Amino acid sequence: MNPLDLYEGKREFKEKFEKTKEQKIHEIKQTVKKYLPPPAKNMLDTPEGTYALIAIAIAIFIIFLRIIGMTLRLVSKIVLIGSILAAIYFSYLYFSHTG
């Protein structure tokens, strides 16, 4: 058995995987754009805007958990603070066009 046979088709698999991944990301972005208000729709077109929206979503989710009565442990508080800071930072980069 030739040891190189194990890696036969690896490059083709990687290319197909990357293509499929990009298609799925594009489909998800188009689906999310349907539900976002007009200013936020444009944020998905840049990496900074996407990161800002993800950070905002994490912060809203943690705040929602806090509202429904789940206690926030230290890790959750750190994640909340980090996501708020990330949202502010990436929003600044998006709106100032310095990113």
PDB file of N, CA and C in Angstrom:
ATOM      1  N   MET A   1       0.844  -1.175   0.000  1.00  0.00           N
ATOM      2  CA  MET A   1       0.000   0.000   0.000  1.00  0.00           C
ATOM      3  C   MET A   1       0.891   1.240   0.000  1.00  0.00           C
ATOM      4  N   ASN A   2       0.583   2.135  -0.865  1.00  0.00           N
ATOM      5  CA  ASN A   2       1.352   3.365  -0.986  1.00  0.00           C
ATOM      6  C   ASN A   2       0.842   4.370   0.051  1.00  0.00           C
ATOM      7  N   PRO A   3       1.728   4.891   0.933  1.00  0.00           N
ATOM      8  CA  PRO A   3       1.262   5.840   1.951  1.00  0.00           C
ATOM      9  C   PRO A   3       0.703   7.130   1.357  1.00  0.00           C
ATOM     10  N   LEU A   4       1.084   7.468   0.153  1.00  0.00           N
ATOM     11  CA  LEU A   4       0.575   8.687  -0.467  1.00  0.00           C
ATOM     12  C   LEU A   4      -0.885   8.548  -0.887  1.00  0.00           C
ATOM     13  N   ASP A   5      -1.381   7.316  -0.979  1.00  0.00           N
ATOM     14  CA  ASP A   5      -2.778   7.099  -1.339  1.00  0.00           C
ATOM     15  C   ASP A   5      -3.728   7.634  -0.274  1.00  0.00           C
ATOM     16  N   LEU A   6      -3.251   7.725   0.958  1.00  0.00           N
ATOM     17  CA  LEU A   6      -4.101   8.228   2.036  1.00  0.00           C
ATOM     18  C   LEU A   6      -4.483   9.686   1.806  1.00  0.00           C
ATOM     19  N   TYR A   7      -3.607  10.424   1.145  1.00  0.00           N
ATOM     20  CA  TYR A   7      -3.840  11.851   0.947  1.00  0.00           C
ATOM     21  C   TYR A   7      -4.347  12.177  -0.456  1.00  0.00           C
ATOM     22  N   GLU A   8      -4.665  11.146  -1.210  1.00  0.00           N
ATOM     23  CA  GLU A   8      -5.183  11.364  -2.557  1.00  0.00           C
ATOM     24  C   GLU A   8      -6.565  12.016  -2.468  1.00  0.00           C
ATOM     25  N   GLY A   9      -6.746  13.055  -3.177  1.00  0.00           N
ATOM     26  CA  GLY A   9      -8.028  13.747  -3.165  1.00  0.00           C
ATOM     27  C   GLY A   9      -8.188  14.734  -2.026  1.00  0.00           C
ATOM     28  N   LYS A  10      -7.145  14.929  -1.238  1.00  0.00           N
ATOM     29  CA  LYS A  10      -7.243  15.853  -0.107  1.00  0.00           C
ATOM     30  C   LYS A  10      -7.431  17.289  -0.591  1.00  0.00           C
ATOM     31  N   ARG A  11      -6.718  17.657  -1.632  1.00  0.00           N
ATOM     32  CA  ARG A  11      -6.820  19.017  -2.158  1.00  0.00           C
ATOM     33  C   ARG A  11      -8.226  19.272  -2.716  1.00  0.00           C
ATOM     34  N   GLU A  12      -8.758  18.290  -3.457  1.00  0.00           N
ATOM     35  CA  GLU A  12     -10.102  18.448  -4.008  1.00  0.00           C
ATOM     36  C   GLU A  12     -11.133  18.548  -2.893  1.00  0.00           C
ATOM     37  N   PHE A  13     -10.947  17.756  -1.845  1.00  0.00           N
ATOM     38  CA  PHE A  13     -11.867  17.805  -0.709  1.00  0.00           C
ATOM     39  C   PHE A  13     -11.830  19.173  -0.039  1.00  0.00           C
ATOM     40  N   LYS A  14     -10.626  19.708   0.157  1.00  0.00           N
ATOM     41  CA  LYS A  14     -10.496  21.029   0.778  1.00  0.00           C
ATOM     42  C   LYS A  14     -11.162  22.102  -0.072  1.00  0.00           C
ATOM     43  N   GLU A  15     -10.975  22.031  -1.387  1.00  0.00           N
ATOM     44  CA  GLU A  15     -11.588  23.021  -2.274  1.00  0.00           C
ATOM     45  C   GLU A  15     -13.110  22.939  -2.229  1.00  0.00           C
ATOM     46  N   LYS A  16     -13.654  21.726  -2.263  1.00  0.00           N
ATOM     47  CA  LYS A  16     -15.107  21.552  -2.188  1.00  0.00           C
ATOM     48  C   LYS A  16     -15.637  22.023  -0.842  1.00  0.00           C
ATOM     49  N   PHE A  17     -14.893  21.717   0.220  1.00  0.00           N
ATOM     50  CA  PHE A  17     -15.313  22.123   1.559  1.00  0.00           C
ATOM     51  C   PHE A  17     -15.341  23.642   1.680  1.00  0.00           C
ATOM     52  N   GLU A  18     -14.307  24.314   1.193  1.00  0.00           N
ATOM     53  CA  GLU A  18     -14.254  25.779   1.253  1.00  0.00           C
ATOM     54  C   GLU A  18     -15.377  26.406   0.430  1.00  0.00           C
ATOM     55  N   LYS A  19     -15.636  25.841  -0.743  1.00  0.00           N
ATOM     56  CA  LYS A  19     -16.707  26.365  -1.590  1.00  0.00           C
ATOM     57  C   LYS A  19     -18.062  26.204  -0.902  1.00  0.00           C
ATOM     58  N   THR A  20     -18.303  25.041  -0.326  1.00  0.00           N
ATOM     59  CA  THR A  20     -19.561  24.793   0.381  1.00  0.00           C
ATOM     60  C   THR A  20     -19.689  25.704   1.588  1.00  0.00           C
ATOM     61  N   LYS A  21     -18.592  25.901   2.310  1.00  0.00           N
ATOM     62  CA  LYS A  21     -18.609  26.775   3.484  1.00  0.00           C
ATOM     63  C   LYS A  21     -18.951  28.206   3.095  1.00  0.00           C
ATOM     64  N   GLU A  22     -18.349  28.700   2.033  1.00  0.00           N
ATOM     65  CA  GLU A  22     -18.633  30.060   1.570  1.00  0.00           C
ATOM     66  C   GLU A  22     -20.088  30.204   1.125  1.00  0.00           C
ATOM     67  N   GLN A  23     -20.625  29.176   0.470  1.00  0.00           N
ATOM     68  CA  GLN A  23     -22.027  29.220   0.051  1.00  0.00           C
ATOM     69  C   GLN A  23     -22.956  29.271   1.255  1.00  0.00           C
ATOM     70  N   LYS A  24     -22.671  28.471   2.271  1.00  0.00           N
ATOM     71  CA  LYS A  24     -23.512  28.450   3.473  1.00  0.00           C
ATOM     72  C   LYS A  24     -23.442  29.784   4.207  1.00  0.00           C
ATOM     73  N   ILE A  25     -22.256  30.363   4.305  1.00  0.00           N
ATOM     74  CA  ILE A  25     -22.116  31.667   4.960  1.00  0.00           C
ATOM     75  C   ILE A  25     -22.913  32.720   4.198  1.00  0.00           C
ATOM     76  N   HIS A  26     -22.848  32.672   2.877  1.00  0.00           N
ATOM     77  CA  HIS A  26     -23.609  33.628   2.062  1.00  0.00           C
ATOM     78  C   HIS A  26     -25.115  33.434   2.266  1.00  0.00           C
ATOM     79  N   GLU A  27     -25.575  32.179   2.323  1.00  0.00           N
ATOM     80  CA  GLU A  27     -26.997  31.906   2.547  1.00  0.00           C
ATOM     81  C   GLU A  27     -27.449  32.411   3.913  1.00  0.00           C
ATOM     82  N   ILE A  28     -26.626  32.196   4.929  1.00  0.00           N
ATOM     83  CA  ILE A  28     -26.974  32.649   6.279  1.00  0.00           C
ATOM     84  C   ILE A  28     -27.048  34.171   6.320  1.00  0.00           C
ATOM     85  N   LYS A  29     -26.084  34.839   5.685  1.00  0.00           N
ATOM     86  CA  LYS A  29     -26.098  36.306   5.668  1.00  0.00           C
ATOM     87  C   LYS A  29     -27.337  36.835   4.960  1.00  0.00           C
ATOM     88  N   GLN A  30     -27.738  36.195   3.862  1.00  0.00           N
ATOM     89  CA  GLN A  30     -28.934  36.642   3.150  1.00  0.00           C
ATOM     90  C   GLN A  30     -30.183  36.428   3.992  1.00  0.00           C
ATOM     91  N   THR A  31     -30.229  35.326   4.739  1.00  0.00           N
ATOM     92  CA  THR A  31     -31.373  35.062   5.609  1.00  0.00           C
ATOM     93  C   THR A  31     -31.438  36.084   6.733  1.00  0.00           C
ATOM     94  N   VAL A  32     -30.294  36.390   7.334  1.00  0.00           N
ATOM     95  CA  VAL A  32     -30.259  37.356   8.432  1.00  0.00           C
ATOM     96  C   VAL A  32     -30.625  38.751   7.925  1.00  0.00           C
ATOM     97  N   LYS A  33     -30.202  39.087   6.707  1.00  0.00           N
ATOM     98  CA  LYS A  33     -30.508  40.412   6.148  1.00  0.00           C
ATOM     99  C   LYS A  33     -32.009  40.647   6.027  1.00  0.00           C
ATOM    100  N   LYS A  34     -32.787  39.569   5.849  1.00  0.00           N
ATOM    101  CA  LYS A  34     -34.240  39.713   5.728  1.00  0.00           C
ATOM    102  C   LYS A  34     -34.857  40.258   7.007  1.00  0.00           C
ATOM    103  N   TYR A  35     -34.260  39.937   8.156  1.00  0.00           N
ATOM    104  CA  TYR A  35     -34.852  40.282   9.443  1.00  0.00           C
ATOM    105  C   TYR A  35     -34.251  41.527  10.086  1.00  0.00           C
ATOM    106  N   LEU A  36     -33.143  42.016   9.566  1.00  0.00           N
ATOM    107  CA  LEU A  36     -32.488  43.178  10.163  1.00  0.00           C
ATOM    108  C   LEU A  36     -33.084  44.478   9.637  1.00  0.00           C
ATOM    109  N   PRO A  37     -33.082  45.523  10.461  1.00  0.00           N
ATOM    110  CA  PRO A  37     -33.525  46.834   9.965  1.00  0.00           C
ATOM    111  C   PRO A  37     -32.505  47.384   8.963  1.00  0.00           C
ATOM    112  N   PRO A  38     -32.895  48.364   8.151  1.00  0.00           N
ATOM    113  CA  PRO A  38     -32.033  48.847   7.060  1.00  0.00           C
ATOM    114  C   PRO A  38     -30.591  49.217   7.432  1.00  0.00           C
ATOM    115  N   PRO A  39     -30.306  49.948   8.516  1.00  0.00           N
ATOM    116  CA  PRO A  39     -28.885  50.268   8.757  1.00  0.00           C
ATOM    117  C   PRO A  39     -28.041  49.028   9.051  1.00  0.00           C
ATOM    118  N   ALA A  40     -28.619  48.060   9.731  1.00  0.00           N
ATOM    119  CA  ALA A  40     -27.852  46.870  10.097  1.00  0.00           C
ATOM    120  C   ALA A  40     -27.645  45.934   8.913  1.00  0.00           C
ATOM    121  N   LYS A  41     -28.495  45.996   7.903  1.00  0.00           N
ATOM    122  CA  LYS A  41     -28.324  45.135   6.728  1.00  0.00           C
ATOM    123  C   LYS A  41     -26.981  45.390   6.056  1.00  0.00           C
ATOM    124  N   ASN A  42     -26.589  46.647   6.001  1.00  0.00           N
ATOM    125  CA  ASN A  42     -25.326  46.995   5.349  1.00  0.00           C
ATOM    126  C   ASN A  42     -24.122  46.560   6.168  1.00  0.00           C
ATOM    127  N   MET A  43     -24.301  46.365   7.461  1.00  0.00           N
ATOM    128  CA  MET A  43     -23.178  45.967   8.313  1.00  0.00           C
ATOM    129  C   MET A  43     -22.692  44.564   7.974  1.00  0.00           C
ATOM    130  N   LEU A  44     -23.554  43.724   7.422  1.00  0.00           N
ATOM    131  CA  LEU A  44     -23.146  42.364   7.091  1.00  0.00           C
ATOM    132  C   LEU A  44     -22.223  42.297   5.882  1.00  0.00           C
ATOM    133  N   ASP A  45     -22.076  43.390   5.172  1.00  0.00           N
ATOM    134  CA  ASP A  45     -21.229  43.394   3.982  1.00  0.00           C
ATOM    135  C   ASP A  45     -19.749  43.534   4.302  1.00  0.00           C
ATOM    136  N   THR A  46     -19.407  43.902   5.533  1.00  0.00           N
ATOM    137  CA  THR A  46     -18.002  44.048   5.920  1.00  0.00           C
ATOM    138  C   THR A  46     -17.719  43.158   7.125  1.00  0.00           C
ATOM    139  N   PRO A  47     -16.475  42.705   7.275  1.00  0.00           N
ATOM    140  CA  PRO A  47     -16.146  41.872   8.438  1.00  0.00           C
ATOM    141  C   PRO A  47     -16.350  42.605   9.764  1.00  0.00           C
ATOM    142  N   GLU A  48     -15.998  43.898   9.802  1.00  0.00           N
ATOM    143  CA  GLU A  48     -16.141  44.645  11.052  1.00  0.00           C
ATOM    144  C   GLU A  48     -17.604  44.731  11.470  1.00  0.00           C
ATOM    145  N   GLY A  49     -18.475  44.988  10.504  1.00  0.00           N
ATOM    146  CA  GLY A  49     -19.897  45.067  10.805  1.00  0.00           C
ATOM    147  C   GLY A  49     -20.455  43.733  11.261  1.00  0.00           C
ATOM    148  N   THR A  50     -19.994  42.651  10.637  1.00  0.00           N
ATOM    149  CA  THR A  50     -20.443  41.318  11.034  1.00  0.00           C
ATOM    150  C   THR A  50     -19.999  41.011  12.455  1.00  0.00           C
ATOM    151  N   TYR A  51     -18.744  41.311  12.781  1.00  0.00           N
ATOM    152  CA  TYR A  51     -18.248  41.076  14.138  1.00  0.00           C
ATOM    153  C   TYR A  51     -19.029  41.901  15.152  1.00  0.00           C
ATOM    154  N   ALA A  52     -19.346  43.137  14.794  1.00  0.00           N
ATOM    155  CA  ALA A  52     -20.117  43.994  15.701  1.00  0.00           C
ATOM    156  C   ALA A  52     -21.497  43.407  15.954  1.00  0.00           C
ATOM    157  N   LEU A  53     -22.160  42.928  14.905  1.00  0.00           N
ATOM    158  CA  LEU A  53     -23.490  42.337  15.081  1.00  0.00           C
ATOM    159  C   LEU A  53     -23.441  41.063  15.916  1.00  0.00           C
ATOM    160  N   ILE A  54     -22.396  40.257  15.738  1.00  0.00           N
ATOM    161  CA  ILE A  54     -22.249  39.043  16.547  1.00  0.00           C
ATOM    162  C   ILE A  54     -22.045  39.410  18.009  1.00  0.00           C
ATOM    163  N   ALA A  55     -21.192  40.395  18.274  1.00  0.00           N
ATOM    164  CA  ALA A  55     -20.948  40.821  19.656  1.00  0.00           C
ATOM    165  C   ALA A  55     -22.212  41.397  20.282  1.00  0.00           C
ATOM    166  N   ILE A  56     -22.974  42.159  19.519  1.00  0.00           N
ATOM    167  CA  ILE A  56     -24.229  42.713  20.033  1.00  0.00           C
ATOM    168  C   ILE A  56     -25.212  41.588  20.346  1.00  0.00           C
ATOM    169  N   ALA A  57     -25.275  40.581  19.476  1.00  0.00           N
ATOM    170  CA  ALA A  57     -26.184  39.454  19.706  1.00  0.00           C
ATOM    171  C   ALA A  57     -25.806  38.687  20.969  1.00  0.00           C
ATOM    172  N   ILE A  58     -24.516  38.493  21.205  1.00  0.00           N
ATOM    173  CA  ILE A  58     -24.070  37.798  22.419  1.00  0.00           C
ATOM    174  C   ILE A  58     -24.440  38.607  23.653  1.00  0.00           C
ATOM    175  N   ALA A  59     -24.216  39.911  23.603  1.00  0.00           N
ATOM    176  CA  ALA A  59     -24.554  40.764  24.748  1.00  0.00           C
ATOM    177  C   ALA A  59     -26.054  40.744  25.020  1.00  0.00           C
ATOM    178  N   ILE A  60     -26.860  40.825  23.977  1.00  0.00           N
ATOM    179  CA  ILE A  60     -28.316  40.788  24.160  1.00  0.00           C
ATOM    180  C   ILE A  60     -28.750  39.444  24.731  1.00  0.00           C
ATOM    181  N   PHE A  61     -28.145  38.355  24.271  1.00  0.00           N
ATOM    182  CA  PHE A  61     -28.492  37.027  24.778  1.00  0.00           C
ATOM    183  C   PHE A  61     -28.173  36.900  26.263  1.00  0.00           C
ATOM    184  N   ILE A  62     -27.006  37.369  26.677  1.00  0.00           N
ATOM    185  CA  ILE A  62     -26.631  37.277  28.092  1.00  0.00           C
ATOM    186  C   ILE A  62     -27.528  38.170  28.943  1.00  0.00           C
ATOM    187  N   ILE A  63     -27.844  39.359  28.453  1.00  0.00           N
ATOM    188  CA  ILE A  63     -28.761  40.237  29.193  1.00  0.00           C
ATOM    189  C   ILE A  63     -30.139  39.593  29.289  1.00  0.00           C
ATOM    190  N   PHE A  64     -30.587  38.934  28.215  1.00  0.00           N
ATOM    191  CA  PHE A  64     -31.865  38.223  28.242  1.00  0.00           C
ATOM    192  C   PHE A  64     -31.854  37.126  29.303  1.00  0.00           C
ATOM    193  N   LEU A  65     -30.753  36.375  29.388  1.00  0.00           N
ATOM    194  CA  LEU A  65     -30.655  35.335  30.413  1.00  0.00           C
ATOM    195  C   LEU A  65     -30.727  35.939  31.808  1.00  0.00           C
ATOM    196  N   ARG A  66     -30.113  37.089  31.975  1.00  0.00           N
ATOM    197  CA  ARG A  66     -30.150  37.769  33.270  1.00  0.00           C
ATOM    198  C   ARG A  66     -31.575  38.208  33.603  1.00  0.00           C
ATOM    199  N   ILE A  67     -32.302  38.696  32.620  1.00  0.00           N
ATOM    200  CA  ILE A  67     -33.672  39.162  32.846  1.00  0.00           C
ATOM    201  C   ILE A  67     -34.588  38.013  33.239  1.00  0.00           C
ATOM    202  N   ILE A  68     -34.421  36.844  32.624  1.00  0.00           N
ATOM    203  CA  ILE A  68     -35.311  35.731  32.954  1.00  0.00           C
ATOM    204  C   ILE A  68     -34.908  35.025  34.238  1.00  0.00           C
ATOM    205  N   GLY A  69     -33.887  35.520  34.905  1.00  0.00           N
ATOM    206  CA  GLY A  69     -33.584  35.034  36.237  1.00  0.00           C
ATOM    207  C   GLY A  69     -32.365  34.164  36.390  1.00  0.00           C
ATOM    208  N   MET A  70     -31.635  33.922  35.334  1.00  0.00           N
ATOM    209  CA  MET A  70     -30.431  33.114  35.479  1.00  0.00           C
ATOM    210  C   MET A  70     -29.332  33.989  36.068  1.00  0.00           C
ATOM    211  N   THR A  71     -28.651  33.463  37.042  1.00  0.00           N
ATOM    212  CA  THR A  71     -27.590  34.247  37.678  1.00  0.00           C
ATOM    213  C   THR A  71     -26.365  34.284  36.771  1.00  0.00           C
ATOM    214  N   LEU A  72     -25.681  35.395  36.813  1.00  0.00           N
ATOM    215  CA  LEU A  72     -24.466  35.534  36.020  1.00  0.00           C
ATOM    216  C   LEU A  72     -23.256  35.201  36.885  1.00  0.00           C
ATOM    217  N   ARG A  73     -22.534  34.223  36.467  1.00  0.00           N
ATOM    218  CA  ARG A  73     -21.286  33.886  37.132  1.00  0.00           C
ATOM    219  C   ARG A  73     -20.190  34.809  36.597  1.00  0.00           C
ATOM    220  N   LEU A  74     -19.010  34.679  37.155  1.00  0.00           N
ATOM    221  CA  LEU A  74     -17.892  35.535  36.754  1.00  0.00           C
ATOM    222  C   LEU A  74     -17.590  35.403  35.263  1.00  0.00           C
ATOM    223  N   VAL A  75     -17.603  34.175  34.754  1.00  0.00           N
ATOM    224  CA  VAL A  75     -17.299  33.969  33.335  1.00  0.00           C
ATOM    225  C   VAL A  75     -18.340  34.659  32.465  1.00  0.00           C
ATOM    226  N   SER A  76     -19.614  34.555  32.838  1.00  0.00           N
ATOM    227  CA  SER A  76     -20.670  35.203  32.062  1.00  0.00           C
ATOM    228  C   SER A  76     -20.523  36.717  32.099  1.00  0.00           C
ATOM    229  N   LYS A  77     -20.127  37.246  33.252  1.00  0.00           N
ATOM    230  CA  LYS A  77     -19.923  38.690  33.346  1.00  0.00           C
ATOM    231  C   LYS A  77     -18.760  39.132  32.470  1.00  0.00           C
ATOM    232  N   ILE A  78     -17.700  38.342  32.453  1.00  0.00           N
ATOM    233  CA  ILE A  78     -16.543  38.666  31.616  1.00  0.00           C
ATOM    234  C   ILE A  78     -16.920  38.594  30.140  1.00  0.00           C
ATOM    235  N   VAL A  79     -17.689  37.565  29.755  1.00  0.00           N
ATOM    236  CA  VAL A  79     -18.130  37.444  28.365  1.00  0.00           C
ATOM    237  C   VAL A  79     -19.035  38.609  27.992  1.00  0.00           C
ATOM    238  N   LEU A  80     -19.926  39.009  28.906  1.00  0.00           N
ATOM    239  CA  LEU A  80     -20.819  40.140  28.649  1.00  0.00           C
ATOM    240  C   LEU A  80     -20.021  41.423  28.437  1.00  0.00           C
ATOM    241  N   ILE A  81     -19.092  41.687  29.326  1.00  0.00           N
ATOM    242  CA  ILE A  81     -18.271  42.896  29.203  1.00  0.00           C
ATOM    243  C   ILE A  81     -17.429  42.837  27.931  1.00  0.00           C
ATOM    244  N   GLY A  82     -16.851  41.677  27.654  1.00  0.00           N
ATOM    245  CA  GLY A  82     -16.051  41.526  26.436  1.00  0.00           C
ATOM    246  C   GLY A  82     -16.861  41.714  25.170  1.00  0.00           C
ATOM    247  N   SER A  83     -18.076  41.172  25.158  1.00  0.00           N
ATOM    248  CA  SER A  83     -18.898  41.322  23.955  1.00  0.00           C
ATOM    249  C   SER A  83     -19.368  42.760  23.776  1.00  0.00           C
ATOM    250  N   ILE A  84     -19.649  43.454  24.866  1.00  0.00           N
ATOM    251  CA  ILE A  84     -20.025  44.865  24.755  1.00  0.00           C
ATOM    252  C   ILE A  84     -18.843  45.685  24.240  1.00  0.00           C
ATOM    253  N   LEU A  85     -17.652  45.422  24.777  1.00  0.00           N
ATOM    254  CA  LEU A  85     -16.464  46.133  24.294  1.00  0.00           C
ATOM    255  C   LEU A  85     -16.180  45.817  22.825  1.00  0.00           C
ATOM    256  N   ALA A  86     -16.347  44.544  22.446  1.00  0.00           N
ATOM    257  CA  ALA A  86     -16.135  44.169  21.045  1.00  0.00           C
ATOM    258  C   ALA A  86     -17.156  44.843  20.142  1.00  0.00           C
ATOM    259  N   ALA A  87     -18.394  44.916  20.597  1.00  0.00           N
ATOM    260  CA  ALA A  87     -19.431  45.577  19.798  1.00  0.00           C
ATOM    261  C   ALA A  87     -19.093  47.047  19.592  1.00  0.00           C
ATOM    262  N   ILE A  88     -18.640  47.694  20.647  1.00  0.00           N
ATOM    263  CA  ILE A  88     -18.270  49.107  20.535  1.00  0.00           C
ATOM    264  C   ILE A  88     -17.075  49.276  19.599  1.00  0.00           C
ATOM    265  N   TYR A  89     -16.061  48.431  19.767  1.00  0.00           N
ATOM    266  CA  TYR A  89     -14.850  48.536  18.952  1.00  0.00           C
ATOM    267  C   TYR A  89     -15.144  48.298  17.471  1.00  0.00           C
ATOM    268  N   PHE A  90     -15.823  47.197  17.157  1.00  0.00           N
ATOM    269  CA  PHE A  90     -16.082  46.883  15.755  1.00  0.00           C
ATOM    270  C   PHE A  90     -17.094  47.842  15.136  1.00  0.00           C
ATOM    271  N   SER A  91     -18.018  48.349  15.934  1.00  0.00           N
ATOM    272  CA  SER A  91     -18.936  49.367  15.414  1.00  0.00           C
ATOM    273  C   SER A  91     -18.165  50.638  15.077  1.00  0.00           C
ATOM    274  N   TYR A  92     -17.220  50.999  15.935  1.00  0.00           N
ATOM    275  CA  TYR A  92     -16.373  52.166  15.651  1.00  0.00           C
ATOM    276  C   TYR A  92     -15.596  51.958  14.351  1.00  0.00           C
ATOM    277  N   LEU A  93     -14.997  50.765  14.195  1.00  0.00           N
ATOM    278  CA  LEU A  93     -14.254  50.489  12.969  1.00  0.00           C
ATOM    279  C   LEU A  93     -15.164  50.547  11.748  1.00  0.00           C
ATOM    280  N   TYR A  94     -16.376  50.012  11.898  1.00  0.00           N
ATOM    281  CA  TYR A  94     -17.297  50.001  10.760  1.00  0.00           C
ATOM    282  C   TYR A  94     -17.720  51.409  10.370  1.00  0.00           C
ATOM    283  N   PHE A  95     -18.128  52.183  11.361  1.00  0.00           N
ATOM    284  CA  PHE A  95     -18.660  53.502  11.049  1.00  0.00           C
ATOM    285  C   PHE A  95     -17.581  54.531  10.723  1.00  0.00           C
ATOM    286  N   SER A  96     -16.345  54.296  11.196  1.00  0.00           N
ATOM    287  CA  SER A  96     -15.275  55.244  10.872  1.00  0.00           C
ATOM    288  C   SER A  96     -14.513  54.830   9.615  1.00  0.00           C
ATOM    289  N   HIS A  97     -14.775  53.633   9.098  1.00  0.00           N
ATOM    290  CA  HIS A  97     -14.133  53.113   7.886  1.00  0.00           C
ATOM    291  C   HIS A  97     -12.620  53.054   8.024  1.00  0.00           C
ATOM    292  N   THR A  98     -12.123  52.753   9.232  1.00  0.00           N
ATOM    293  CA  THR A  98     -10.677  52.656   9.422  1.00  0.00           C
ATOM    294  C   THR A  98     -10.211  51.214   9.437  1.00  0.00           C
ATOM    295  N   GLY A  99     -11.126  50.258   9.402  1.00  0.00           N
ATOM    296  CA  GLY A  99     -10.781  48.852   9.513  1.00  0.00           C
ATOM    297  C   GLY A  99     -10.272  48.233   8.305  1.00  0.00           C
TER     298      GLY A  99
END
